[in-house]
Amino acid sequence: MKQKNNGNKFNWWKWGFLFILAFNLAFIGVAASRLIQVREPDAEKVTANKVKGVKIGTFSTNKEQLNDTIATYLTDYQSKKMSYKIYVASSEILFEGSYELLGYEVPLYIYFKPYRLANGAVQLQITSFSVGTLSLPEAEVLQYIKSSYKLPSFVQIVPKKSVININLQKLDNSEGLYLKATSIDLVNDKISFDIFKKKR
């Protein structure tokens, strides 16, 4: 007695064709992804984060030398109507000027604690201040300095945070040199900076 063919015969040609087609599509996909992929992924980061300057040296100073440098640098920022001093004391930095109120000049003294920021800037945070016998908010005193005194362009006053940022890395000069603070230890009289030259 013959068995009936139920028509479920396995078609080797059909499955072989589908296998070869899938293999070819996978091969083309892998090849295409390899062609469009960036060979050196980190190269993009290097291009985007180009070094703005090259370190050319370091220097250390002390409070006395730093005070002489500050005084000399700020000479061009003084006027007959509005003059001020900034100098390093034993453990703090002092701003000495005057506050004008109703036509009268009141002595102004602000004490700051210096901190080195990650970008090489120096941040001065108010620790105390006196405006004669007046009691004024820190933000108002800093806003007065910001609007009344002539300061270097790299000095940023932030009244709301009661800080002054000295962005030494934004120094502008014909030689293309700028500084980054590396250590500010006023108690032990050790202050150091890295010197950078801008890339042209």
Foldseek 3Di string as FASTA:
>chain_A
DDDDDPPPDDDPVVVVVVVVVVVVVVVVVVVVCVVPDDPDVCVVVCVVPPDFWDFDWKDKFFQVVVQVVQVVVCPVFADPVWDWGWGDDQQWIKIWTWDDDPNDTWTKIWTWHWDADPLQKIKTATPDMDGHPDDDQLLVVLVCCVPPGRDDPQWAGDSVRRMIIRRQVPDDDPQQKGWGWDDDGSNVRITMITIIHGDD
